[in-house]
Each structure stands twice: as structure tokens, then as C-alpha cells.
Amino acid sequence: MTGQQPTADYPTPDGPTLETSAPLRALMVALETRFGDGLQAVILYGSCLRSTDLLDGLVDFYVLVETTPKAEPNLWLRLGGRLLPPNVYYLETPLGTETVRCKYAVLSLGQFERGTGPGWFQSYLWGRFAQPVKPVWCRSAMIEQRLHAAFLRAGETLLRRAIPALPPQGPLEALWQGALALSYATELRAERQGRAAELAGHGRAFFEAMTLALEPRLADVLHVEDRGGSLIYQSHASGRARRLAPFLWAVRRVQGKALSVARLIKGLFTFEGGLDYLAWKLSRHSGQVVEIPDKVRRRPLIYIWGFMRQLYRRGVFR
């Protein structure tokens, strides 16, 4: 389990490493046992990357694997991972007197590269991976280079698609805040209002470095300059692009929320304790108490739809 050094152009965030994090090493051993030689890369993201405490809550991983039956022995789940990626699983492993827990989404490297580029209409992957993420293990330096290229491509895709929908100039932080808000709105989210602003502020140094790395690629639509120590952007989108942008993002919102529900239903078959995790996460992010009714536990495929509609009406997620 040897990590590779990051390439120079991608601003890899600080975070735990295999060399210093016992919880991370424990999870990696479990993932290697699960996938063996099919494991290609493991990417850490989410709240545990920001806090660096992998024992606080649930660690979020993306696990990239070879597309072989060994990676997913169940045929139906393998088909589900191809038709509606990714499949999401739960893993826990002991660490002394404690337990470290994670949920991990499984994709092939090819799926990941396609989903972080302009070939995907939906922002599910390119919206996520334009944000701070950290490869904590890669099989080879070549794979890590491909990941860093995909991260930069995700950032470029998000900005190109967000710029026509946002003001043509302003502080760089406002550009990323607006872009993240557009992406967040395409999924069912339990986070409170202002989450995009929090992420843009917390990751300000990362997003500045990401923008400067992308500026040569975005020269036709974006210019950034330093004014008194603050980065200011100016964007250049055609009138046609600005007219189309609200419609395209509206379609993404409708499509994305429908896919979010479908992924939640699929997760009932892959995520151990999935209903309890769903209730915990919705309660934690919304500030409302969410309890799973007995009938939903007994027949989730029948009753989950009405339950989700009730939660939506309560404002638990948007």
C-alpha cells in the first residue's frame, strides 16, 4: 500500500495519509481483502477529509476497480452499477477498542473518467470531484495521474457549465459558491441552506489554486486577476449560452432528483443498515428527527416512496 506523489498541477488538499493514519490503514486492509488485485484507487472526500478525523462519523470513499465479476460477484448488482452508477456499500473494521466505519461508492476507472468530463450531462460526478478530494491510495503513478487529470476535467466541466448561469464578474469565491450551489440543487439534499457558501469558504485556498490551474484551459470564457490581494473573475459567455443555461440546469435538477431517489432505493440492497443510515444522515443535516416507520422496514420497495414524499414535504431535504 504505497501512495504516490501528486502531480504538480492538481492542488491536492491536505488530509490523512496511509503513513500516519491508523484508521485509514485499517480500512485499506479491509478494501484490499474485498477487491484484491482488482483495486485500482481509493479516493477520500467529504467531512472526514475536512476534519481529518476518520473516527468521527462515517468515512466517505470512492473506490475504483477493474470491471470484473470479482469486483462485484452479484450479477444484478453488477448490472445496477453499470446502469445507475455507482453502487454504494458499508464497511466497518475494528481498530483496537474502537470501530472505524466507511461507506464506499464503487466505479470502474473508465466510468469515473467519463463521469468527470463533459460527456456526462448530469453533474453527479463532475460536480463532486471539482471539490477537494484526496487519493489516499493508487495502484500506480499512472493511475494517479489519470485521477488528477479527471479532477481537473471535473473542475473545468463545472465552471464551463456554471459560468453562463452566473454573474459575469465578481469575487472568485462567489463564482465557486454559485457553481457549487447549481450542482447541489440537482440532487436531493438534507444539508441546510448555505452549504455551498460554507464549502466555498472552507476550501477557498483549494478553489483559488484549482482556478489558476484551469485558467489556461478556460481562457475563452474566464479571466482572473488579483486586485488588492483578492482574486476577481470576469467571464465571457455568449448570449445564446446565457439564455440556454437556466433551462439546462432546470433539466439537471429534475433528472438529478429522480436519479437520487433511484440510487437511494438501489442502496437498500447494497448498504448494510441502509435505512438507519438514511435516518441518521437526514436527521444530522436537517436538524429534524427522522424515524423509519415499521412498514417501511418490512416492505421498503412498496412504502419508501410515500415516506420520501412525506420527508420532502416536511423540508427534510430539497
C-alpha atoms as a PDB file:
ATOM      1  CA  MET A   1       0.000   0.000   0.000  1.00  0.00           C
ATOM      2  CA  THR A   2       2.308   2.697  -1.261  1.00  0.00           C
ATOM      3  CA  GLY A   3       0.881   6.119  -2.069  1.00  0.00           C
ATOM      4  CA  GLN A   4       2.205   8.123  -4.995  1.00  0.00           C
ATOM      5  CA  GLN A   5       3.207  11.784  -5.010  1.00  0.00           C
ATOM      6  CA  PRO A   6       0.647  14.163  -6.552  1.00  0.00           C
ATOM      7  CA  THR A   7       1.267  15.800  -9.896  1.00  0.00           C
ATOM      8  CA  ALA A   8       2.236  19.474  -9.860  1.00  0.00           C
ATOM      9  CA  ASP A   9      -0.909  20.961 -11.411  1.00  0.00           C
ATOM     10  CA  TYR A  10      -3.655  19.479  -9.221  1.00  0.00           C
ATOM     11  CA  PRO A  11      -3.908  21.185  -5.784  1.00  0.00           C
ATOM     12  CA  THR A  12      -4.196  18.044  -3.635  1.00  0.00           C
ATOM     13  CA  PRO A  13      -5.777  19.014  -0.280  1.00  0.00           C
ATOM     14  CA  ASP A  14      -4.118  18.211   2.998  1.00  0.00           C
ATOM     15  CA  GLY A  15      -5.518  15.163   4.727  1.00  0.00           C
ATOM     16  CA  PRO A  16      -4.721  11.835   6.362  1.00  0.00           C
ATOM     17  CA  THR A  17      -2.171   9.544   4.744  1.00  0.00           C
ATOM     18  CA  LEU A  18      -1.534   5.828   4.999  1.00  0.00           C
ATOM     19  CA  GLU A  19       1.792   6.570   6.648  1.00  0.00           C
ATOM     20  CA  THR A  20       0.229   8.412   9.601  1.00  0.00           C
ATOM     21  CA  SER A  21      -3.410   7.299   9.906  1.00  0.00           C
ATOM     22  CA  ALA A  22      -4.156   4.011  11.634  1.00  0.00           C
ATOM     23  CA  PRO A  23      -7.913   4.197  10.795  1.00  0.00           C
ATOM     24  CA  LEU A  24      -7.077   4.717   7.130  1.00  0.00           C
ATOM     25  CA  ARG A  25      -4.670   1.773   7.107  1.00  0.00           C
ATOM     26  CA  ALA A  26      -7.313  -0.441   8.729  1.00  0.00           C
ATOM     27  CA  LEU A  27      -9.894   0.460   6.098  1.00  0.00           C
ATOM     28  CA  MET A  28      -7.394  -0.054   3.283  1.00  0.00           C
ATOM     29  CA  VAL A  29      -6.605  -3.564   4.518  1.00  0.00           C
ATOM     30  CA  ALA A  30     -10.333  -4.364   4.501  1.00  0.00           C
ATOM     31  CA  LEU A  31     -10.777  -2.935   0.994  1.00  0.00           C
ATOM     32  CA  GLU A  32      -7.780  -4.873  -0.325  1.00  0.00           C
ATOM     33  CA  THR A  33      -9.266  -8.038   1.180  1.00  0.00           C
ATOM     34  CA  ARG A  34     -12.568  -7.253  -0.557  1.00  0.00           C
ATOM     35  CA  PHE A  35     -11.211  -6.409  -4.010  1.00  0.00           C
ATOM     36  CA  GLY A  36      -7.734  -7.957  -4.162  1.00  0.00           C
ATOM     37  CA  ASP A  37      -5.848  -7.210  -7.374  1.00  0.00           C
ATOM     38  CA  GLY A  38      -8.936  -5.544  -8.830  1.00  0.00           C
ATOM     39  CA  LEU A  39      -8.462  -2.492  -6.604  1.00  0.00           C
ATOM     40  CA  GLN A  40      -7.092   0.435  -8.610  1.00  0.00           C
ATOM     41  CA  ALA A  41      -7.545   3.534  -6.433  1.00  0.00           C
ATOM     42  CA  VAL A  42      -9.223   4.858  -3.284  1.00  0.00           C
ATOM     43  CA  ILE A  43     -10.339   8.497  -3.048  1.00  0.00           C
ATOM     44  CA  LEU A  44     -11.264  10.184   0.247  1.00  0.00           C
ATOM     45  CA  TYR A  45     -13.791  13.021   0.235  1.00  0.00           C
ATOM     46  CA  GLY A  46     -16.420  14.625   2.437  1.00  0.00           C
ATOM     47  CA  SER A  47     -16.482  15.712   6.066  1.00  0.00           C
ATOM     48  CA  CYS A  48     -13.761  13.331   7.266  1.00  0.00           C
ATOM     49  CA  LEU A  49     -11.340  14.783   4.732  1.00  0.00           C
ATOM     50  CA  ARG A  50     -12.098  18.271   6.033  1.00  0.00           C
ATOM     51  CA  SER A  51     -11.836  17.304   9.703  1.00  0.00           C
ATOM     52  CA  THR A  52      -9.060  14.667   9.185  1.00  0.00           C
ATOM     53  CA  ASP A  53     -10.717  12.625  11.993  1.00  0.00           C
ATOM     54  CA  LEU A  54     -11.669   9.267  10.489  1.00  0.00           C
ATOM     55  CA  LEU A  55     -13.175   8.023  13.748  1.00  0.00           C
ATOM     56  CA  ASP A  56     -15.768  10.798  13.854  1.00  0.00           C
ATOM     57  CA  GLY A  57     -18.763   9.719  11.798  1.00  0.00           C
ATOM     58  CA  LEU A  58     -18.661   7.753   8.568  1.00  0.00           C
ATOM     59  CA  VAL A  59     -15.683   7.942   6.203  1.00  0.00           C
ATOM     60  CA  ASP A  60     -16.590   8.597   2.552  1.00  0.00           C
ATOM     61  CA  PHE A  61     -14.629   6.824  -0.176  1.00  0.00           C
ATOM     62  CA  TYR A  62     -14.820   6.371  -3.908  1.00  0.00           C
ATOM     63  CA  VAL A  63     -13.263   3.016  -4.765  1.00  0.00           C
ATOM     64  CA  LEU A  64     -12.143   2.489  -8.356  1.00  0.00           C
ATOM     65  CA  VAL A  65     -11.874  -1.110  -9.511  1.00  0.00           C
ATOM     66  CA  GLU A  66     -11.391  -3.206 -12.602  1.00  0.00           C
ATOM     67  CA  THR A  67     -14.644  -4.197 -14.274  1.00  0.00           C
ATOM     68  CA  THR A  68     -14.548  -7.892 -13.415  1.00  0.00           C
ATOM     69  CA  PRO A  69     -17.043 -10.250 -11.737  1.00  0.00           C
ATOM     70  CA  LYS A  70     -14.646 -10.418  -8.786  1.00  0.00           C
ATOM     71  CA  ALA A  71     -15.227  -6.728  -8.096  1.00  0.00           C
ATOM     72  CA  GLU A  72     -18.976  -7.388  -7.888  1.00  0.00           C
ATOM     73  CA  PRO A  73     -19.857 -11.123  -7.768  1.00  0.00           C
ATOM     74  CA  ASN A  74     -23.624 -10.462  -7.742  1.00  0.00           C
ATOM     75  CA  LEU A  75     -24.793 -10.212 -11.359  1.00  0.00           C
ATOM     76  CA  TRP A  76     -27.772  -7.966 -10.602  1.00  0.00           C
ATOM     77  CA  LEU A  77     -25.695  -5.544  -8.574  1.00  0.00           C
ATOM     78  CA  ARG A  78     -23.050  -5.568 -11.296  1.00  0.00           C
ATOM     79  CA  LEU A  79     -25.725  -4.621 -13.828  1.00  0.00           C
ATOM     80  CA  GLY A  80     -27.059  -1.974 -11.437  1.00  0.00           C
ATOM     81  CA  GLY A  81     -23.582  -0.479 -11.174  1.00  0.00           C
ATOM     82  CA  ARG A  82     -23.420  -0.181 -14.945  1.00  0.00           C
ATOM     83  CA  LEU A  83     -26.918   1.188 -15.488  1.00  0.00           C
ATOM     84  CA  LEU A  84     -27.021   3.542 -12.484  1.00  0.00           C
ATOM     85  CA  PRO A  85     -23.520   4.057 -11.113  1.00  0.00           C
ATOM     86  CA  PRO A  86     -22.217   3.945  -8.510  1.00  0.00           C
ATOM     87  CA  ASN A  87     -23.076   1.056  -6.172  1.00  0.00           C
ATOM     88  CA  VAL A  88     -22.621   2.117  -2.533  1.00  0.00           C
ATOM     89  CA  TYR A  89     -21.604  -0.243   0.277  1.00  0.00           C
ATOM     90  CA  TYR A  90     -20.957  -0.150   4.002  1.00  0.00           C
ATOM     91  CA  LEU A  91     -17.776  -1.365   5.697  1.00  0.00           C
ATOM     92  CA  GLU A  92     -16.609  -1.413   9.289  1.00  0.00           C
ATOM     93  CA  THR A  93     -13.456  -2.829  10.815  1.00  0.00           C
ATOM     94  CA  PRO A  94     -12.094  -2.960  14.388  1.00  0.00           C
ATOM     95  CA  LEU A  95      -9.269  -0.691  15.447  1.00  0.00           C
ATOM     96  CA  GLY A  96      -8.146  -1.535  18.961  1.00  0.00           C
ATOM     97  CA  THR A  97     -11.129  -0.852  21.210  1.00  0.00           C
ATOM     98  CA  GLU A  98     -12.821   1.315  18.546  1.00  0.00           C
ATOM     99  CA  THR A  99     -14.504   0.690  15.216  1.00  0.00           C
ATOM    100  CA  VAL A 100     -13.817   2.639  12.049  1.00  0.00           C
ATOM    101  CA  ARG A 101     -16.681   2.814   9.562  1.00  0.00           C
ATOM    102  CA  CYS A 102     -16.992   3.913   5.970  1.00  0.00           C
ATOM    103  CA  LYS A 103     -19.346   3.936   3.042  1.00  0.00           C
ATOM    104  CA  TYR A 104     -17.737   3.482  -0.310  1.00  0.00           C
ATOM    105  CA  ALA A 105     -19.015   4.014  -3.823  1.00  0.00           C
ATOM    106  CA  VAL A 106     -17.660   1.637  -6.445  1.00  0.00           C
ATOM    107  CA  LEU A 107     -16.868   2.621 -10.034  1.00  0.00           C
ATOM    108  CA  SER A 108     -14.536   1.441 -12.714  1.00  0.00           C
ATOM    109  CA  LEU A 109     -11.766   3.850 -13.655  1.00  0.00           C
ATOM    110  CA  GLY A 110     -13.352   4.219 -17.078  1.00  0.00           C
ATOM    111  CA  GLN A 111     -16.738   5.138 -15.587  1.00  0.00           C
ATOM    112  CA  PHE A 112     -15.053   7.644 -13.322  1.00  0.00           C
ATOM    113  CA  GLU A 113     -13.181   9.316 -16.177  1.00  0.00           C
ATOM    114  CA  ARG A 114     -16.325   9.561 -18.306  1.00  0.00           C
ATOM    115  CA  GLY A 115     -18.430  10.892 -15.424  1.00  0.00           C
ATOM    116  CA  THR A 116     -15.984  13.670 -14.555  1.00  0.00           C
ATOM    117  CA  GLY A 117     -15.934  15.018 -18.107  1.00  0.00           C
ATOM    118  CA  PRO A 118     -18.262  16.909 -20.438  1.00  0.00           C
ATOM    119  CA  GLY A 119     -19.692  13.679 -21.846  1.00  0.00           C
ATOM    120  CA  TRP A 120     -21.968  13.440 -18.795  1.00  0.00           C
ATOM    121  CA  PHE A 121     -24.908  15.850 -18.799  1.00  0.00           C
ATOM    122  CA  GLN A 122     -25.653  15.256 -15.112  1.00  0.00           C
ATOM    123  CA  SER A 123     -23.336  16.880 -12.533  1.00  0.00           C
ATOM    124  CA  TYR A 124     -23.302  13.899 -10.122  1.00  0.00           C
ATOM    125  CA  LEU A 125     -19.581  13.188 -10.636  1.00  0.00           C
ATOM    126  CA  TRP A 126     -18.096  16.318 -12.184  1.00  0.00           C
ATOM    127  CA  GLY A 127     -19.829  18.431  -9.544  1.00  0.00           C
ATOM    128  CA  ARG A 128     -18.431  16.298  -6.714  1.00  0.00           C
ATOM    129  CA  PHE A 129     -14.894  15.968  -7.954  1.00  0.00           C
ATOM    130  CA  ALA A 130     -14.423  19.651  -8.700  1.00  0.00           C
ATOM    131  CA  GLN A 131     -14.345  19.912  -4.886  1.00  0.00           C
ATOM    132  CA  PRO A 132     -11.450  18.984  -2.563  1.00  0.00           C
ATOM    133  CA  VAL A 133     -10.752  15.245  -2.706  1.00  0.00           C
ATOM    134  CA  LYS A 134      -7.654  13.224  -1.906  1.00  0.00           C
ATOM    135  CA  PRO A 135      -6.431   9.986  -3.481  1.00  0.00           C
ATOM    136  CA  VAL A 136      -5.197   8.040  -0.450  1.00  0.00           C
ATOM    137  CA  TRP A 137      -4.023   5.010  -2.436  1.00  0.00           C
ATOM    138  CA  CYS A 138      -3.315   4.263  -6.082  1.00  0.00           C
ATOM    139  CA  ARG A 139      -2.020   1.086  -7.677  1.00  0.00           C
ATOM    140  CA  SER A 140       0.444   3.034  -9.832  1.00  0.00           C
ATOM    141  CA  ALA A 141       1.709   6.509 -10.607  1.00  0.00           C
ATOM    142  CA  MET A 142      -0.018   6.309 -13.999  1.00  0.00           C
ATOM    143  CA  ILE A 143      -3.412   5.750 -12.381  1.00  0.00           C
ATOM    144  CA  GLU A 144      -2.859   8.662 -10.016  1.00  0.00           C
ATOM    145  CA  GLN A 145      -2.000  10.893 -12.957  1.00  0.00           C
ATOM    146  CA  ARG A 146      -5.248   9.836 -14.622  1.00  0.00           C
ATOM    147  CA  LEU A 147      -7.137  10.705 -11.434  1.00  0.00           C
ATOM    148  CA  HIS A 148      -5.596  14.156 -11.196  1.00  0.00           C
ATOM    149  CA  ALA A 149      -6.435  14.744 -14.852  1.00  0.00           C
ATOM    150  CA  ALA A 150     -10.027  13.688 -14.120  1.00  0.00           C
ATOM    151  CA  PHE A 151     -10.252  16.054 -11.126  1.00  0.00           C
ATOM    152  CA  LEU A 152      -9.110  18.980 -13.251  1.00  0.00           C
ATOM    153  CA  ARG A 153     -11.507  17.955 -16.018  1.00  0.00           C
ATOM    154  CA  ALA A 154     -14.327  17.908 -13.448  1.00  0.00           C
ATOM    155  CA  GLY A 155     -13.474  21.453 -12.360  1.00  0.00           C
ATOM    156  CA  GLU A 156     -13.361  22.642 -15.955  1.00  0.00           C
ATOM    157  CA  THR A 157     -16.693  20.996 -16.765  1.00  0.00           C
ATOM    158  CA  LEU A 158     -18.410  22.507 -13.716  1.00  0.00           C
ATOM    159  CA  LEU A 159     -17.148  26.018 -14.430  1.00  0.00           C
ATOM    160  CA  ARG A 160     -17.932  25.898 -18.152  1.00  0.00           C
ATOM    161  CA  ARG A 161     -21.494  24.821 -17.422  1.00  0.00           C
ATOM    162  CA  ALA A 162     -21.985  27.178 -14.478  1.00  0.00           C
ATOM    163  CA  ILE A 163     -20.480  30.361 -15.934  1.00  0.00           C
ATOM    164  CA  PRO A 164     -23.396  31.123 -18.319  1.00  0.00           C
ATOM    165  CA  ALA A 165     -25.819  30.876 -15.370  1.00  0.00           C
ATOM    166  CA  LEU A 166     -23.843  33.170 -13.040  1.00  0.00           C
ATOM    167  CA  PRO A 167     -22.980  36.893 -12.916  1.00  0.00           C
ATOM    168  CA  PRO A 168     -20.286  37.844 -15.445  1.00  0.00           C
ATOM    169  CA  GLN A 169     -17.910  39.202 -12.817  1.00  0.00           C
ATOM    170  CA  GLY A 170     -17.255  39.236  -9.095  1.00  0.00           C
ATOM    171  CA  PRO A 171     -15.099  37.685  -6.359  1.00  0.00           C
ATOM    172  CA  LEU A 172     -13.700  34.287  -7.272  1.00  0.00           C
ATOM    173  CA  GLU A 173     -15.233  32.761  -4.136  1.00  0.00           C
ATOM    174  CA  ALA A 174     -18.664  33.860  -5.375  1.00  0.00           C
ATOM    175  CA  LEU A 175     -18.063  32.066  -8.686  1.00  0.00           C
ATOM    176  CA  TRP A 176     -17.374  28.776  -6.920  1.00  0.00           C
ATOM    177  CA  GLN A 177     -20.184  29.311  -4.447  1.00  0.00           C
ATOM    178  CA  GLY A 178     -22.612  29.790  -7.324  1.00  0.00           C
ATOM    179  CA  ALA A 179     -21.250  26.819  -9.270  1.00  0.00           C
ATOM    180  CA  LEU A 180     -21.464  24.502  -6.256  1.00  0.00           C
ATOM    181  CA  ALA A 181     -24.985  25.705  -5.479  1.00  0.00           C
ATOM    182  CA  LEU A 182     -26.101  24.853  -9.011  1.00  0.00           C
ATOM    183  CA  SER A 183     -24.609  21.375  -8.700  1.00  0.00           C
ATOM    184  CA  TYR A 184     -26.021  20.778  -5.203  1.00  0.00           C
ATOM    185  CA  ALA A 185     -29.511  21.700  -6.400  1.00  0.00           C
ATOM    186  CA  THR A 186     -29.519  18.781  -8.855  1.00  0.00           C
ATOM    187  CA  GLU A 187     -29.696  16.222  -6.023  1.00  0.00           C
ATOM    188  CA  LEU A 188     -31.901  15.546  -3.041  1.00  0.00           C
ATOM    189  CA  ARG A 189     -30.002  17.221  -0.228  1.00  0.00           C
ATOM    190  CA  ALA A 190     -30.608  17.292   3.518  1.00  0.00           C
ATOM    191  CA  GLU A 191     -27.992  19.981   4.156  1.00  0.00           C
ATOM    192  CA  ARG A 192     -29.242  23.357   5.324  1.00  0.00           C
ATOM    193  CA  GLN A 193     -29.328  26.409   3.079  1.00  0.00           C
ATOM    194  CA  GLY A 194     -25.930  27.994   2.556  1.00  0.00           C
ATOM    195  CA  ARG A 195     -23.988  24.751   2.332  1.00  0.00           C
ATOM    196  CA  ALA A 196     -22.358  25.805  -0.952  1.00  0.00           C
ATOM    197  CA  ALA A 197     -21.183  29.043   0.664  1.00  0.00           C
ATOM    198  CA  GLU A 198     -19.655  27.083   3.554  1.00  0.00           C
ATOM    199  CA  LEU A 199     -17.790  24.778   1.177  1.00  0.00           C
ATOM    200  CA  ALA A 200     -16.541  27.642  -0.972  1.00  0.00           C
ATOM    201  CA  GLY A 201     -15.312  29.480   2.108  1.00  0.00           C
ATOM    202  CA  HIS A 202     -13.743  26.459   3.793  1.00  0.00           C
ATOM    203  CA  GLY A 203     -11.980  25.407   0.591  1.00  0.00           C
ATOM    204  CA  ARG A 204     -11.063  28.914  -0.541  1.00  0.00           C
ATOM    205  CA  ALA A 205      -7.340  28.189  -0.975  1.00  0.00           C
ATOM    206  CA  PHE A 206      -8.104  24.985  -2.873  1.00  0.00           C
ATOM    207  CA  PHE A 207     -10.575  26.640  -5.248  1.00  0.00           C
ATOM    208  CA  GLU A 208      -8.180  29.517  -5.912  1.00  0.00           C
ATOM    209  CA  ALA A 209      -5.409  27.057  -6.773  1.00  0.00           C
ATOM    210  CA  MET A 210      -7.796  24.973  -8.880  1.00  0.00           C
ATOM    211  CA  THR A 211      -8.926  28.033 -10.835  1.00  0.00           C
ATOM    212  CA  LEU A 212      -5.372  29.160 -11.518  1.00  0.00           C
ATOM    213  CA  ALA A 213      -4.505  25.651 -12.723  1.00  0.00           C
ATOM    214  CA  LEU A 214      -7.542  25.699 -15.031  1.00  0.00           C
ATOM    215  CA  GLU A 215      -7.235  29.279 -16.268  1.00  0.00           C
ATOM    216  CA  PRO A 216      -5.245  28.393 -19.423  1.00  0.00           C
ATOM    217  CA  ARG A 217      -7.929  25.867 -20.411  1.00  0.00           C
ATOM    218  CA  LEU A 218     -10.711  28.367 -19.691  1.00  0.00           C
ATOM    219  CA  ALA A 219      -9.103  31.344 -21.403  1.00  0.00           C
ATOM    220  CA  ASP A 220     -12.047  31.622 -23.816  1.00  0.00           C
ATOM    221  CA  VAL A 221     -14.600  32.025 -21.011  1.00  0.00           C
ATOM    222  CA  LEU A 222     -12.781  33.106 -17.845  1.00  0.00           C
ATOM    223  CA  HIS A 223     -10.189  35.652 -16.772  1.00  0.00           C
ATOM    224  CA  VAL A 224      -8.916  36.024 -13.191  1.00  0.00           C
ATOM    225  CA  GLU A 225      -6.886  38.903 -11.791  1.00  0.00           C
ATOM    226  CA  ASP A 226      -5.578  39.952  -8.398  1.00  0.00           C
ATOM    227  CA  ARG A 227      -6.996  43.221  -7.142  1.00  0.00           C
ATOM    228  CA  GLY A 228      -5.522  44.296  -3.853  1.00  0.00           C
ATOM    229  CA  GLY A 229      -4.944  40.733  -2.679  1.00  0.00           C
ATOM    230  CA  SER A 230      -8.380  39.462  -3.732  1.00  0.00           C
ATOM    231  CA  LEU A 231      -8.983  37.342  -6.830  1.00  0.00           C
ATOM    232  CA  ILE A 232     -11.670  38.747  -9.124  1.00  0.00           C
ATOM    233  CA  TYR A 233     -13.115  36.875 -12.098  1.00  0.00           C
ATOM    234  CA  GLN A 234     -14.591  38.064 -15.360  1.00  0.00           C
ATOM    235  CA  SER A 235     -16.475  35.583 -17.517  1.00  0.00           C
ATOM    236  CA  HIS A 236     -17.331  35.638 -21.189  1.00  0.00           C
ATOM    237  CA  ALA A 237     -20.404  33.625 -22.174  1.00  0.00           C
ATOM    238  CA  SER A 238     -22.367  34.139 -25.366  1.00  0.00           C
ATOM    239  CA  GLY A 239     -25.913  35.427 -25.249  1.00  0.00           C
ATOM    240  CA  ARG A 240     -27.159  32.080 -26.513  1.00  0.00           C
ATOM    241  CA  ALA A 241     -25.311  30.222 -23.737  1.00  0.00           C
ATOM    242  CA  ARG A 242     -26.799  32.538 -21.099  1.00  0.00           C
ATOM    243  CA  ARG A 243     -30.302  32.027 -22.488  1.00  0.00           C
ATOM    244  CA  LEU A 244     -29.907  28.234 -22.512  1.00  0.00           C
ATOM    245  CA  ALA A 245     -28.246  27.880 -19.101  1.00  0.00           C
ATOM    246  CA  PRO A 246     -31.387  28.236 -16.918  1.00  0.00           C
ATOM    247  CA  PHE A 247     -33.185  25.595 -18.981  1.00  0.00           C
ATOM    248  CA  LEU A 248     -30.255  23.147 -18.914  1.00  0.00           C
ATOM    249  CA  TRP A 249     -29.821  23.456 -15.155  1.00  0.00           C
ATOM    250  CA  ALA A 250     -33.586  23.041 -14.656  1.00  0.00           C
ATOM    251  CA  VAL A 251     -33.418  19.772 -16.609  1.00  0.00           C
ATOM    252  CA  ARG A 252     -30.453  18.665 -14.487  1.00  0.00           C
ATOM    253  CA  ARG A 253     -32.437  19.384 -11.324  1.00  0.00           C
ATOM    254  CA  VAL A 254     -35.410  17.281 -12.422  1.00  0.00           C
ATOM    255  CA  GLN A 255     -33.269  14.456 -13.746  1.00  0.00           C
ATOM    256  CA  GLY A 256     -30.848  14.538 -10.841  1.00  0.00           C
ATOM    257  CA  LYS A 257     -33.515  14.379  -8.125  1.00  0.00           C
ATOM    258  CA  ALA A 258     -35.158  11.417  -9.852  1.00  0.00           C
ATOM    259  CA  LEU A 259     -31.792   9.646 -10.049  1.00  0.00           C
ATOM    260  CA  SER A 260     -31.142  10.451  -6.377  1.00  0.00           C
ATOM    261  CA  VAL A 261     -34.306   8.592  -5.402  1.00  0.00           C
ATOM    262  CA  ALA A 262     -33.359   5.666  -7.650  1.00  0.00           C
ATOM    263  CA  ARG A 263     -29.905   5.475  -6.042  1.00  0.00           C
ATOM    264  CA  LEU A 264     -31.438   5.533  -2.569  1.00  0.00           C
ATOM    265  CA  ILE A 265     -33.667   2.604  -3.490  1.00  0.00           C
ATOM    266  CA  LYS A 266     -30.753   0.697  -5.017  1.00  0.00           C
ATOM    267  CA  GLY A 267     -28.742   1.404  -1.878  1.00  0.00           C
ATOM    268  CA  LEU A 268     -31.236  -0.614   0.166  1.00  0.00           C
ATOM    269  CA  PHE A 269     -29.731  -3.720  -1.456  1.00  0.00           C
ATOM    270  CA  THR A 270     -26.068  -2.778  -1.071  1.00  0.00           C
ATOM    271  CA  PHE A 271     -25.840  -0.799   2.146  1.00  0.00           C
ATOM    272  CA  GLU A 272     -25.984  -2.719   5.409  1.00  0.00           C
ATOM    273  CA  GLY A 273     -28.257  -0.796   7.765  1.00  0.00           C
ATOM    274  CA  GLY A 274     -29.133   1.492   4.881  1.00  0.00           C
ATOM    275  CA  LEU A 275     -32.452   2.688   6.321  1.00  0.00           C
ATOM    276  CA  ASP A 276     -30.897   3.515   9.686  1.00  0.00           C
ATOM    277  CA  TYR A 277     -28.031   5.332   7.976  1.00  0.00           C
ATOM    278  CA  LEU A 278     -30.539   7.290   5.882  1.00  0.00           C
ATOM    279  CA  ALA A 279     -32.432   8.352   9.017  1.00  0.00           C
ATOM    280  CA  TRP A 280     -29.201   9.303  10.808  1.00  0.00           C
ATOM    281  CA  LYS A 281     -27.894  11.369   7.910  1.00  0.00           C
ATOM    282  CA  LEU A 282     -31.176  13.179   7.262  1.00  0.00           C
ATOM    283  CA  SER A 283     -31.572  13.954  10.976  1.00  0.00           C
ATOM    284  CA  ARG A 284     -27.978  15.174  11.282  1.00  0.00           C
ATOM    285  CA  HIS A 285     -28.101  17.504   8.295  1.00  0.00           C
ATOM    286  CA  SER A 286     -31.675  18.763   8.522  1.00  0.00           C
ATOM    287  CA  GLY A 287     -31.956  19.204  12.299  1.00  0.00           C
ATOM    288  CA  GLN A 288     -35.241  17.295  12.260  1.00  0.00           C
ATOM    289  CA  VAL A 289     -35.903  13.925  13.881  1.00  0.00           C
ATOM    290  CA  VAL A 290     -36.332  11.230  11.214  1.00  0.00           C
ATOM    291  CA  GLU A 291     -37.606   7.796  12.235  1.00  0.00           C
ATOM    292  CA  ILE A 292     -38.163   4.867   9.893  1.00  0.00           C
ATOM    293  CA  PRO A 293     -41.749   3.524  10.144  1.00  0.00           C
ATOM    294  CA  ASP A 294     -42.177  -0.219  10.690  1.00  0.00           C
ATOM    295  CA  LYS A 295     -43.999  -0.690   7.388  1.00  0.00           C
ATOM    296  CA  VAL A 296     -41.068   0.860   5.512  1.00  0.00           C
ATOM    297  CA  ARG A 297     -38.679  -1.567   7.229  1.00  0.00           C
ATOM    298  CA  ARG A 298     -40.897  -4.528   6.358  1.00  0.00           C
ATOM    299  CA  ARG A 299     -41.564  -3.622   2.707  1.00  0.00           C
ATOM    300  CA  PRO A 300     -39.193  -0.840   1.669  1.00  0.00           C
ATOM    301  CA  LEU A 301     -39.825  -1.102  -2.062  1.00  0.00           C
ATOM    302  CA  ILE A 302     -43.548  -0.535  -1.527  1.00  0.00           C
ATOM    303  CA  TYR A 303     -43.578   2.135   1.178  1.00  0.00           C
ATOM    304  CA  ILE A 304     -40.318   4.052   0.715  1.00  0.00           C
ATOM    305  CA  TRP A 305     -41.884   6.251  -1.981  1.00  0.00           C
ATOM    306  CA  GLY A 306     -44.600   7.654   0.239  1.00  0.00           C
ATOM    307  CA  PHE A 307     -42.154   8.043   3.112  1.00  0.00           C
ATOM    308  CA  MET A 308     -39.752  10.032   0.949  1.00  0.00           C
ATOM    309  CA  ARG A 309     -42.603  12.246  -0.233  1.00  0.00           C
ATOM    310  CA  GLN A 310     -43.544  12.984   3.382  1.00  0.00           C
ATOM    311  CA  LEU A 311     -39.943  13.911   4.230  1.00  0.00           C
ATOM    312  CA  TYR A 312     -39.773  16.169   1.187  1.00  0.00           C
ATOM    313  CA  ARG A 313     -42.946  17.970   2.240  1.00  0.00           C
ATOM    314  CA  ARG A 314     -41.522  18.433   5.744  1.00  0.00           C
ATOM    315  CA  GLY A 315     -38.471  20.088   4.230  1.00  0.00           C
ATOM    316  CA  VAL A 316     -36.071  17.396   5.475  1.00  0.00           C
ATOM    317  CA  PHE A 317     -34.421  17.512   2.076  1.00  0.00           C
ATOM    318  CA  ARG A 318     -34.856  19.594  -1.052  1.00  0.00           C
END
